[in-house]
Amino acid sequence: MNKAEATKAGKILLGKMKSKGWTLDVWKVIFGWHYSIKHSNGLRVYPGCPETKQKYHAMLMNTGSGCDSTILPCFPVSSIDPNEVVRLKLKLAREVVDAYNAIVTKAEKDIGINK
């Protein structure tokens, strides 16, 4: 993929998003040009592999640390609908956060630390 193709594909993806605030990110690596869309809240949507039926996948990034680091990298979600992949990623993130909160609350109770 060349830069113009990546930019065009990224703009098509931007046009599919139902929520506002998404921006296009296009970059070059050794194997060619790539694209994703990103939101200031840390969400990113990438195209999936052309060989698969799942067209998009989402990542949640920690953007407040000064460098982008992936949150929940081991829990991929994918969908043919980029809006659905965002919803699925946020649902998964909420489930993980709730599980961690339960663990921390129990640990605090067990050792006598109150919030």
Protein backbone atom coordinates (compact mmCIF):
# COMPACT_ATOMS: atom_id res chain seq x y z
CA MET A 1 0.00 0.00 0.00
CA ASN A 2 1.33 3.45 -0.86
CA LYS A 3 0.66 6.65 1.08
CA ALA A 4 -2.25 7.75 -1.12
CA GLU A 5 -3.95 4.34 -0.79
CA ALA A 6 -3.48 4.31 2.99
CA THR A 7 -4.87 7.84 3.26
CA LYS A 8 -7.87 6.98 1.08
CA ALA A 9 -8.63 3.78 3.04
CA GLY A 10 -8.28 5.68 6.33
CA LYS A 11 -10.70 8.37 5.18
CA ILE A 12 -13.23 5.68 4.26
CA LEU A 13 -12.86 4.23 7.76
CA LEU A 14 -13.29 7.69 9.30
CA GLY A 15 -16.51 8.09 7.34
CA LYS A 16 -17.94 4.91 8.88
CA MET A 17 -17.60 6.11 12.47
CA LYS A 18 -20.81 7.21 14.17
CA SER A 19 -19.12 9.18 16.94
CA LYS A 20 -17.14 12.39 16.56
CA GLY A 21 -13.53 13.10 17.50
CA TRP A 22 -11.72 10.53 15.33
CA THR A 23 -8.58 11.50 13.41
CA LEU A 24 -6.57 9.69 10.76
CA ASP A 25 -3.06 8.39 11.42
CA VAL A 26 -0.94 7.32 8.43
CA TRP A 27 2.63 6.08 8.79
CA LYS A 28 5.35 4.26 6.90
CA VAL A 29 7.35 1.24 8.00
CA ILE A 30 9.67 -1.05 6.07
CA PHE A 31 6.79 -2.99 4.55
CA GLY A 32 4.85 0.02 3.30
CA TRP A 33 2.24 2.49 4.42
CA HIS A 34 -0.31 1.78 7.13
CA TYR A 35 -3.25 3.58 8.69
CA SER A 36 -5.50 3.65 11.70
CA ILE A 37 -7.92 6.08 13.21
CA LYS A 38 -7.51 7.35 16.73
CA HIS A 39 -9.49 9.22 19.31
CA SER A 40 -8.12 11.48 22.05
CA ASN A 41 -9.69 9.12 24.62
CA GLY A 42 -7.12 6.44 23.76
CA LEU A 43 -9.15 4.28 21.37
CA ARG A 44 -7.63 3.23 18.06
CA VAL A 45 -9.19 1.26 15.22
CA TYR A 46 -6.97 -0.63 12.77
CA PRO A 47 -7.79 -2.56 9.63
CA GLY A 48 -7.52 -6.31 10.08
CA CYS A 49 -5.65 -8.68 7.82
CA PRO A 50 -7.12 -8.82 4.32
CA GLU A 51 -7.13 -12.63 4.52
CA THR A 52 -9.61 -12.66 7.41
CA LYS A 53 -13.30 -11.89 7.45
CA GLN A 54 -12.85 -9.70 10.53
CA LYS A 55 -12.07 -6.38 8.95
CA TYR A 56 -11.25 -4.14 11.95
CA HIS A 57 -9.75 -4.47 15.40
CA ALA A 58 -9.56 -1.98 18.25
CA MET A 59 -6.97 -1.13 20.86
CA LEU A 60 -7.16 0.96 23.98
CA MET A 61 -4.06 3.06 24.55
CA ASN A 62 -2.73 4.82 27.62
CA THR A 63 -2.11 8.25 26.12
CA GLY A 64 -1.66 10.17 29.37
CA SER A 65 1.75 8.68 30.17
CA GLY A 66 3.66 10.61 27.53
CA CYS A 67 3.94 7.58 25.28
CA ASP A 68 1.29 5.36 23.80
CA SER A 69 1.21 1.97 25.48
CA THR A 70 -1.42 -0.63 24.79
CA ILE A 71 -3.88 -1.53 27.51
CA LEU A 72 -5.33 -5.06 27.29
CA PRO A 73 -3.10 -6.17 24.41
CA CYS A 74 -3.86 -9.86 25.06
CA PHE A 75 -7.58 -9.41 24.63
CA PRO A 76 -8.16 -8.65 20.95
CA VAL A 77 -11.61 -7.98 19.59
CA SER A 78 -12.53 -7.73 15.95
CA SER A 79 -15.57 -7.08 13.79
CA ILE A 80 -16.54 -6.16 10.27
CA ASP A 81 -18.14 -3.00 11.75
CA PRO A 82 -15.65 -0.48 13.19
CA ASN A 83 -18.30 0.95 15.55
CA GLU A 84 -19.04 -2.52 16.90
CA VAL A 85 -15.35 -3.24 17.46
CA VAL A 86 -15.09 -0.08 19.57
CA ARG A 87 -18.15 -1.12 21.60
CA LEU A 88 -16.73 -4.61 22.12
CA LYS A 89 -13.33 -3.27 23.22
CA LEU A 90 -14.90 -0.93 25.77
CA LYS A 91 -17.15 -3.72 27.08
CA LEU A 92 -14.11 -5.94 27.52
CA ALA A 93 -12.14 -3.15 29.20
CA ARG A 94 -15.02 -2.54 31.64
CA GLU A 95 -15.14 -6.25 32.51
CA VAL A 96 -11.40 -6.29 33.24
CA VAL A 97 -11.58 -3.07 35.30
CA ASP A 98 -14.50 -4.45 37.32
CA ALA A 99 -12.60 -7.68 37.98
CA TYR A 100 -9.52 -5.75 39.16
CA ASN A 101 -11.66 -3.51 41.36
CA ALA A 102 -13.18 -6.59 43.03
CA ILE A 103 -9.72 -8.08 43.64
CA VAL A 104 -8.37 -4.83 45.12
CA THR A 105 -11.46 -4.30 47.30
CA LYS A 106 -11.17 -7.83 48.71
CA ALA A 107 -7.43 -7.44 49.31
CA GLU A 108 -7.97 -4.12 51.09
CA LYS A 109 -10.66 -5.69 53.27
CA ASP A 110 -8.51 -8.75 54.03
CA ILE A 111 -5.56 -6.69 55.27
CA GLY A 112 -7.60 -3.96 56.94
CA ILE A 113 -6.98 -1.07 54.59
CA ASN A 114 -9.99 1.20 54.14
CA LYS A 115 -10.34 3.59 51.27
